[in-house]
């Protein structure tokens, strides 16, 4: 018999305080796994697991790729999406930002819905904008239960309000009542939700369908099947979409303001733009290397050896990235130009 033992939680502005109140009300014997995404800057440090561990009986840690288990709180670390996979597995990814965030709430909710269906309870807490709404739709479509904090009770109402109004959550409760609700949902009898099961298979996931559409568009473009249609290319001059002209004998593109390119000219423009982007990446990596070295020096002067080592590790990594681009991409591709001096693993030229 299926049980609800996967709880996915999303929060943003005001989220730390809300999560503290939530975990404080859960028992030590709680028979479910909790997964938390709270928006944090990708370059910052998160002390949320330590805060939650001190706030209630459940141990909280930053999530890592591997197995998950009940009675534990797994928190998405800064700069990584947290997704669930079959077989009680979780995975961290450095995929594209969603709703301007990484970690984002929607990838966690979608993956939980895709692989665990009716076992999932989603919770949207305080926050701005609408991250979590699409994920809530996925959870409900897969037969899971969706919960939102009462917007009147939230520090910032937009996120739970969006989930409630657009996804139509099953329960809207103030924060004080949420621990008891989750306990009842986990330990109570399983009841089918209205419209349950319409997205129980991965093939019905809207995000999967959109990925397949992109792949199909790229294949049709490569095979010359998009004459007279919007292409997958963008204008090098203005960034607008390019239409492929309906001319069998000539591959030509034009954007809506009038910039026009034959395929050969567009390829040259793309080559130049790619080289410029790569040199920009090298420059950015070099600047980051020097800046992190400067921060390491400051921390060592303050007597903070641990902080200094952390910054030096970042400096070493970014220096390697810059050198790899120059050696294996720019020079290997014969793009020419003058290369910057190599940077050693300590960030020094």
Protein backbone atom coordinates (compact mmCIF):
# COMPACT_ATOMS: atom_id res chain seq x y z
CA UNK A 1 0.00 0.00 0.00
CA UNK A 2 1.37 3.40 -0.98
CA UNK A 3 2.10 5.95 1.72
CA UNK A 4 2.84 9.63 1.58
CA UNK A 5 6.47 9.79 2.63
CA UNK A 6 8.03 12.39 0.29
CA UNK A 7 7.60 16.03 1.37
CA UNK A 8 9.03 18.72 -0.90
CA UNK A 9 9.10 22.27 0.46
CA UNK A 10 9.79 25.56 -1.29
CA UNK A 11 10.41 28.93 0.34
CA UNK A 12 11.94 32.29 -0.49
CA UNK A 13 11.76 35.66 1.30
CA UNK A 14 11.03 35.01 4.98
CA UNK A 15 11.59 31.31 4.39
CA UNK A 16 14.14 30.62 7.12
CA UNK A 17 11.78 31.68 9.90
CA UNK A 18 8.90 29.77 8.31
CA UNK A 19 10.97 26.59 7.99
CA UNK A 20 12.10 26.88 11.62
CA UNK A 21 8.47 26.99 12.77
CA UNK A 22 7.59 24.08 10.51
CA UNK A 23 10.32 21.63 11.57
CA UNK A 24 9.89 22.58 15.23
CA UNK A 25 6.42 21.04 15.18
CA UNK A 26 7.42 17.69 13.63
CA UNK A 27 8.15 14.63 15.82
CA UNK A 28 11.48 12.82 15.96
CA UNK A 29 9.78 9.68 14.65
CA UNK A 30 8.44 11.42 11.56
CA UNK A 31 8.28 8.68 8.88
CA UNK A 32 8.85 10.86 5.81
CA UNK A 33 11.79 12.43 4.01
CA UNK A 34 11.76 16.21 3.71
CA UNK A 35 13.44 18.09 0.87
CA UNK A 36 13.84 21.86 1.09
CA UNK A 37 14.63 24.53 -1.47
CA UNK A 38 15.04 28.00 -0.01
CA UNK A 39 16.25 30.68 -2.41
CA UNK A 40 19.79 31.79 -1.59
CA UNK A 41 22.39 33.64 -3.68
CA UNK A 42 24.46 31.13 -5.64
CA UNK A 43 27.74 32.55 -4.40
CA UNK A 44 26.75 32.68 -0.75
CA UNK A 45 26.96 30.20 2.09
CA UNK A 46 23.92 28.58 3.63
CA UNK A 47 23.65 27.78 7.32
CA UNK A 48 20.06 26.62 6.97
CA UNK A 49 20.77 22.94 7.85
CA UNK A 50 22.43 23.94 11.12
CA UNK A 51 19.58 26.32 11.94
CA UNK A 52 16.92 23.68 11.26
CA UNK A 53 18.80 20.99 13.18
CA UNK A 54 18.88 23.24 16.25
CA UNK A 55 15.22 24.16 15.85
CA UNK A 56 13.60 20.73 16.01
CA UNK A 57 14.16 17.01 16.58
CA UNK A 58 14.98 16.18 12.94
CA UNK A 59 18.53 16.31 11.66
CA UNK A 60 19.03 18.55 8.62
CA UNK A 61 21.98 18.50 6.23
CA UNK A 62 22.80 19.85 2.81
CA UNK A 63 21.67 17.37 0.18
CA UNK A 64 24.26 15.44 -1.82
CA UNK A 65 23.95 13.09 -4.75
CA UNK A 66 23.05 9.69 -3.31
CA UNK A 67 20.43 7.87 -1.27
CA UNK A 68 17.79 9.54 0.89
CA UNK A 69 15.94 8.13 3.89
CA UNK A 70 13.03 9.06 6.17
CA UNK A 71 13.19 11.22 9.29
CA UNK A 72 15.72 13.62 7.76
CA UNK A 73 15.66 17.09 6.21
CA UNK A 74 17.68 17.49 3.01
CA UNK A 75 18.40 21.11 2.04
CA UNK A 76 19.43 22.13 -1.48
CA UNK A 77 22.87 23.80 -1.30
CA UNK A 78 23.53 27.16 -2.97
CA UNK A 79 24.18 27.03 -6.69
CA UNK A 80 22.63 23.59 -7.29
CA UNK A 81 19.20 22.28 -8.17
CA UNK A 82 18.03 19.35 -6.06
CA UNK A 83 16.09 16.67 -7.97
CA UNK A 84 14.74 13.28 -6.94
CA UNK A 85 15.26 10.09 -8.89
CA UNK A 86 13.86 6.55 -8.64
CA UNK A 87 15.09 4.14 -5.99
CA UNK A 88 15.23 6.63 -3.11
CA UNK A 89 17.96 8.60 -4.87
CA UNK A 90 18.56 12.33 -5.04
CA UNK A 91 20.89 14.26 -7.31
CA UNK A 92 22.42 17.74 -7.40
CA UNK A 93 22.65 19.45 -10.78
CA UNK A 94 24.15 22.71 -12.00
CA UNK A 95 21.49 23.13 -14.67
CA UNK A 96 20.11 26.41 -15.99
CA UNK A 97 18.44 28.77 -13.54
CA UNK A 98 14.67 28.56 -13.35
CA UNK A 99 12.66 31.59 -12.31
CA UNK A 100 16.05 33.31 -11.90
CA UNK A 101 17.10 30.87 -9.16
CA UNK A 102 19.43 27.92 -8.67
CA UNK A 103 18.37 26.13 -6.56
CA UNK A 104 14.80 26.58 -7.77
CA UNK A 105 11.66 25.02 -6.36
CA UNK A 106 10.04 23.81 -9.58
CA UNK A 107 12.78 21.26 -10.52
CA UNK A 108 12.46 19.59 -7.10
CA UNK A 109 8.67 19.48 -7.23
CA UNK A 110 8.59 18.23 -10.85
CA UNK A 111 11.09 15.45 -10.25
CA UNK A 112 9.26 14.31 -7.11
CA UNK A 113 5.96 14.23 -9.00
CA UNK A 114 7.50 12.40 -11.94
CA UNK A 115 9.06 9.59 -9.93
CA UNK A 116 6.95 9.34 -6.76
CA UNK A 117 3.45 10.48 -7.78
CA UNK A 118 0.85 9.91 -5.06
CA UNK A 119 3.55 9.59 -2.37
CA UNK A 120 4.39 13.31 -2.66
CA UNK A 121 3.25 16.22 -0.51
CA UNK A 122 4.35 19.63 -1.79
CA UNK A 123 4.48 22.69 0.44
CA UNK A 124 4.83 26.29 -0.78
CA UNK A 125 5.79 28.78 1.92
CA UNK A 126 6.38 32.52 1.99
CA UNK A 127 8.14 34.15 -0.94
CA UNK A 128 7.88 36.56 -3.84
CA UNK A 129 6.93 35.88 -7.47
CA UNK A 130 5.82 32.38 -8.51
CA UNK A 131 8.53 29.74 -8.22
CA UNK A 132 6.82 26.53 -7.12
CA UNK A 133 3.57 27.10 -8.98
CA UNK A 134 4.44 24.96 -12.01
CA UNK A 135 5.85 22.32 -9.68
CA UNK A 136 2.65 22.34 -7.64
CA UNK A 137 0.66 21.74 -10.82
CA UNK A 138 2.89 18.74 -11.53
CA UNK A 139 2.44 17.32 -8.04
CA UNK A 140 -1.35 17.58 -8.17
CA UNK A 141 -1.49 16.15 -11.70
CA UNK A 142 0.53 13.13 -10.54
CA UNK A 143 -1.88 12.45 -7.67
CA UNK A 144 0.13 14.05 -4.87
CA UNK A 145 -1.17 16.48 -2.26
CA UNK A 146 -0.40 20.20 -2.51
CA UNK A 147 -0.22 22.47 0.52
CA UNK A 148 0.32 26.22 0.66
CA UNK A 149 0.85 28.61 3.53
CA UNK A 150 -2.07 30.96 4.00
CA UNK A 151 -0.95 34.10 2.11
CA UNK A 152 -2.36 36.26 4.91
CA UNK A 153 0.03 34.48 7.28
CA UNK A 154 3.14 34.76 5.05
CA UNK A 155 5.86 37.38 5.30
CA UNK A 156 5.60 37.69 1.50
CA UNK A 157 2.31 36.43 0.10
CA UNK A 158 3.04 36.18 -3.65
CA UNK A 159 4.46 32.66 -3.85
CA UNK A 160 1.81 30.77 -1.85
CA UNK A 161 -0.88 32.95 -3.41
CA UNK A 162 0.27 32.05 -6.92
CA UNK A 163 0.36 28.35 -6.07
CA UNK A 164 -3.13 28.55 -4.54
CA UNK A 165 -4.77 30.53 -7.32
CA UNK A 166 -3.13 28.90 -10.35
CA UNK A 167 -2.43 25.32 -9.23
CA UNK A 168 -5.42 25.02 -6.90
CA UNK A 169 -3.75 23.52 -3.83
CA UNK A 170 -5.54 20.97 -1.66
CA UNK A 171 -4.86 22.70 1.68
CA UNK A 172 -4.25 26.35 2.58
CA UNK A 173 -3.28 26.71 6.23
CA UNK A 174 -1.42 29.15 8.47
CA UNK A 175 2.07 28.15 9.47
CA UNK A 176 1.01 27.25 13.01
CA UNK A 177 -1.29 24.51 11.67
CA UNK A 178 1.05 23.11 9.06
CA UNK A 179 3.04 20.59 11.19
CA UNK A 180 -0.17 18.91 12.37
CA UNK A 181 -1.50 18.82 8.80
CA UNK A 182 1.68 17.16 7.51
CA UNK A 183 1.61 14.62 10.34
CA UNK A 184 -2.01 13.78 9.51
CA UNK A 185 -1.29 13.49 5.78
CA UNK A 186 1.72 11.22 6.31
CA UNK A 187 0.15 8.99 8.94
CA UNK A 188 -3.46 9.12 7.76
CA UNK A 189 -5.19 6.94 5.17
CA UNK A 190 -4.38 7.53 1.52
CA UNK A 191 -7.22 9.22 -0.35
CA UNK A 192 -7.33 9.88 -4.06
CA UNK A 193 -7.06 13.54 -4.99
CA UNK A 194 -9.35 15.10 -7.64
CA UNK A 195 -7.78 14.64 -11.07
CA UNK A 196 -5.07 12.38 -9.66
CA UNK A 197 -2.77 10.38 -11.85
CA UNK A 198 -2.95 12.40 -15.06
CA UNK A 199 0.83 12.90 -15.05
CA UNK A 200 2.09 9.77 -13.34
CA UNK A 201 4.44 8.87 -16.19
CA UNK A 202 7.55 10.78 -17.14
CA UNK A 203 6.31 11.02 -20.73
CA UNK A 204 3.40 13.22 -19.58
CA UNK A 205 5.60 15.73 -17.76
CA UNK A 206 5.23 19.16 -19.47
CA UNK A 207 8.93 19.87 -18.97
CA UNK A 208 9.79 16.61 -20.72
CA UNK A 209 7.43 17.43 -23.57
CA UNK A 210 9.02 20.85 -24.05
CA UNK A 211 12.50 19.27 -24.10
CA UNK A 212 11.39 16.87 -26.81
CA UNK A 213 9.92 19.77 -28.81
CA UNK A 214 13.25 21.61 -28.65
CA UNK A 215 15.13 18.51 -29.81
CA UNK A 216 12.67 18.01 -32.65
CA UNK A 217 13.04 21.65 -33.73
CA UNK A 218 16.83 21.35 -33.75
CA UNK A 219 16.67 18.18 -35.85
CA UNK A 220 14.28 19.72 -38.36
CA UNK A 221 16.49 22.83 -38.60
CA UNK A 222 19.57 20.70 -39.23
CA UNK A 223 17.72 18.80 -41.97
CA UNK A 224 16.61 21.98 -43.74
CA UNK A 225 12.92 21.51 -42.95
CA UNK A 226 12.07 24.98 -41.58
CA UNK A 227 11.86 27.15 -44.69
CA UNK A 228 9.27 29.87 -44.20
CA UNK A 229 9.26 29.35 -40.41
CA UNK A 230 10.92 30.82 -37.36
CA UNK A 231 14.37 29.25 -37.10
CA UNK A 232 16.20 28.29 -33.93
CA UNK A 233 18.78 31.03 -34.61
CA UNK A 234 18.94 34.61 -33.31
CA UNK A 235 20.08 37.77 -35.02
CA UNK A 236 23.76 38.58 -34.29
CA UNK A 237 23.02 42.32 -34.41
CA UNK A 238 19.84 42.75 -32.36
CA UNK A 239 19.24 39.37 -30.73
CA UNK A 240 15.80 38.92 -32.27
CA UNK A 241 14.47 35.66 -33.71
CA UNK A 242 15.44 34.86 -37.27
CA UNK A 243 12.95 33.58 -39.86
CA UNK A 244 14.29 31.28 -42.57
CA UNK A 245 13.30 32.59 -45.99
CA UNK A 246 11.19 30.30 -48.15
CA UNK A 247 13.80 29.92 -50.91
CA UNK A 248 14.86 26.37 -51.88
CA UNK A 249 18.05 27.43 -53.66
CA UNK A 250 19.43 29.73 -50.94
CA UNK A 251 19.58 29.38 -47.16
CA UNK A 252 18.82 32.90 -45.92
CA UNK A 253 17.53 34.34 -42.66
CA UNK A 254 15.93 37.66 -41.70
CA UNK A 255 14.87 39.10 -38.33
CA UNK A 256 11.71 41.14 -37.77
CA UNK A 257 13.55 44.50 -37.93
CA UNK A 258 15.18 43.61 -41.25
CA UNK A 259 18.71 42.30 -40.59
CA UNK A 260 19.36 39.60 -43.19
CA UNK A 261 22.05 36.91 -43.56
CA UNK A 262 22.87 34.08 -45.88
CA UNK A 263 23.84 30.89 -44.05
CA UNK A 264 27.55 31.44 -44.76
CA UNK A 265 27.51 34.99 -43.37
CA UNK A 266 25.51 33.90 -40.33
CA UNK A 267 28.06 31.15 -39.67
CA UNK A 268 30.89 33.70 -39.78
CA UNK A 269 29.02 36.00 -37.39
CA UNK A 270 28.41 33.09 -35.01
CA UNK A 271 32.09 32.11 -35.11
CA UNK A 272 33.15 35.65 -34.22
CA UNK A 273 30.54 35.88 -31.46
CA UNK A 274 31.63 32.53 -30.03
CA UNK A 275 35.27 33.56 -29.91
CA UNK A 276 34.36 36.85 -28.22
CA UNK A 277 32.24 34.97 -25.66
CA UNK A 278 35.09 32.56 -24.91
CA UNK A 279 37.58 35.40 -24.40
CA UNK A 280 35.02 37.09 -22.15
CA UNK A 281 34.81 33.85 -20.14
CA UNK A 282 38.60 33.72 -19.86
CA UNK A 283 38.71 37.34 -18.72
CA UNK A 284 35.97 36.74 -16.15
CA UNK A 285 37.69 33.63 -14.79
CA UNK A 286 40.98 35.53 -14.48
CA UNK A 287 39.31 38.40 -12.63
CA UNK A 288 37.53 35.96 -10.31
CA UNK A 289 40.82 34.19 -9.64
CA UNK A 290 42.54 37.41 -8.62
CA UNK A 291 39.57 38.59 -6.53
CA UNK A 292 39.30 35.32 -4.61
CA UNK A 293 43.05 35.44 -3.98
CA UNK A 294 42.61 38.93 -2.56
CA UNK A 295 39.83 37.69 -0.28
CA UNK A 296 42.02 34.74 0.78
CA UNK A 297 44.79 37.17 1.74
CA UNK A 298 42.36 39.25 3.81
CA UNK A 299 41.00 36.19 5.64
CA UNK A 300 44.53 34.95 6.43
CA UNK A 301 45.44 38.38 7.82
CA UNK A 302 42.37 38.11 10.07
CA UNK A 303 43.54 34.71 11.31
CA UNK A 304 40.74 32.86 9.51
CA UNK A 305 42.74 30.04 7.92
CA UNK A 306 39.64 28.02 7.03
CA UNK A 307 38.13 30.95 5.14
CA UNK A 308 41.42 31.61 3.37
CA UNK A 309 41.65 28.00 2.21
CA UNK A 310 38.08 28.13 0.92
CA UNK A 311 38.84 31.20 -1.22
CA UNK A 312 42.14 29.70 -2.42
CA UNK A 313 40.28 26.58 -3.54
CA UNK A 314 37.94 28.78 -5.61
CA UNK A 315 40.93 30.64 -7.06
CA UNK A 316 42.61 27.39 -8.07
CA UNK A 317 39.45 26.11 -9.72
CA UNK A 318 38.76 29.27 -11.73
CA UNK A 319 42.39 29.48 -12.84
CA UNK A 320 42.16 25.94 -14.21
CA UNK A 321 38.93 26.79 -16.05
CA UNK A 322 40.54 29.82 -17.74
CA UNK A 323 43.57 27.82 -18.83
CA UNK A 324 41.41 24.95 -20.12
CA UNK A 325 39.40 27.30 -22.36
CA UNK A 326 42.54 28.89 -23.79
CA UNK A 327 44.44 25.63 -24.30
CA UNK A 328 41.72 23.23 -25.41
CA UNK A 329 39.17 25.50 -27.10
CA UNK A 330 40.66 28.76 -28.33
CA UNK A 331 44.12 27.51 -29.29
CA UNK A 332 42.91 24.10 -30.43
CA UNK A 333 40.32 25.78 -32.65
CA UNK A 334 42.94 27.93 -34.36
CA UNK A 335 41.09 31.14 -33.55
CA UNK A 336 44.29 33.16 -33.38
CA UNK A 337 44.76 36.28 -31.33
CA UNK A 338 47.02 36.97 -28.39
CA UNK A 339 46.44 34.76 -25.37
CA UNK A 340 46.76 35.94 -21.80
CA UNK A 341 49.58 34.46 -19.71
CA UNK A 342 48.85 31.16 -18.03
CA UNK A 343 47.64 31.33 -14.45
CA UNK A 344 48.98 28.80 -11.96
CA UNK A 345 46.80 27.04 -9.40
CA UNK A 346 47.45 29.78 -6.87
CA UNK A 347 46.03 32.43 -9.18
CA UNK A 348 49.39 33.98 -10.06
CA UNK A 349 50.38 34.75 -13.69
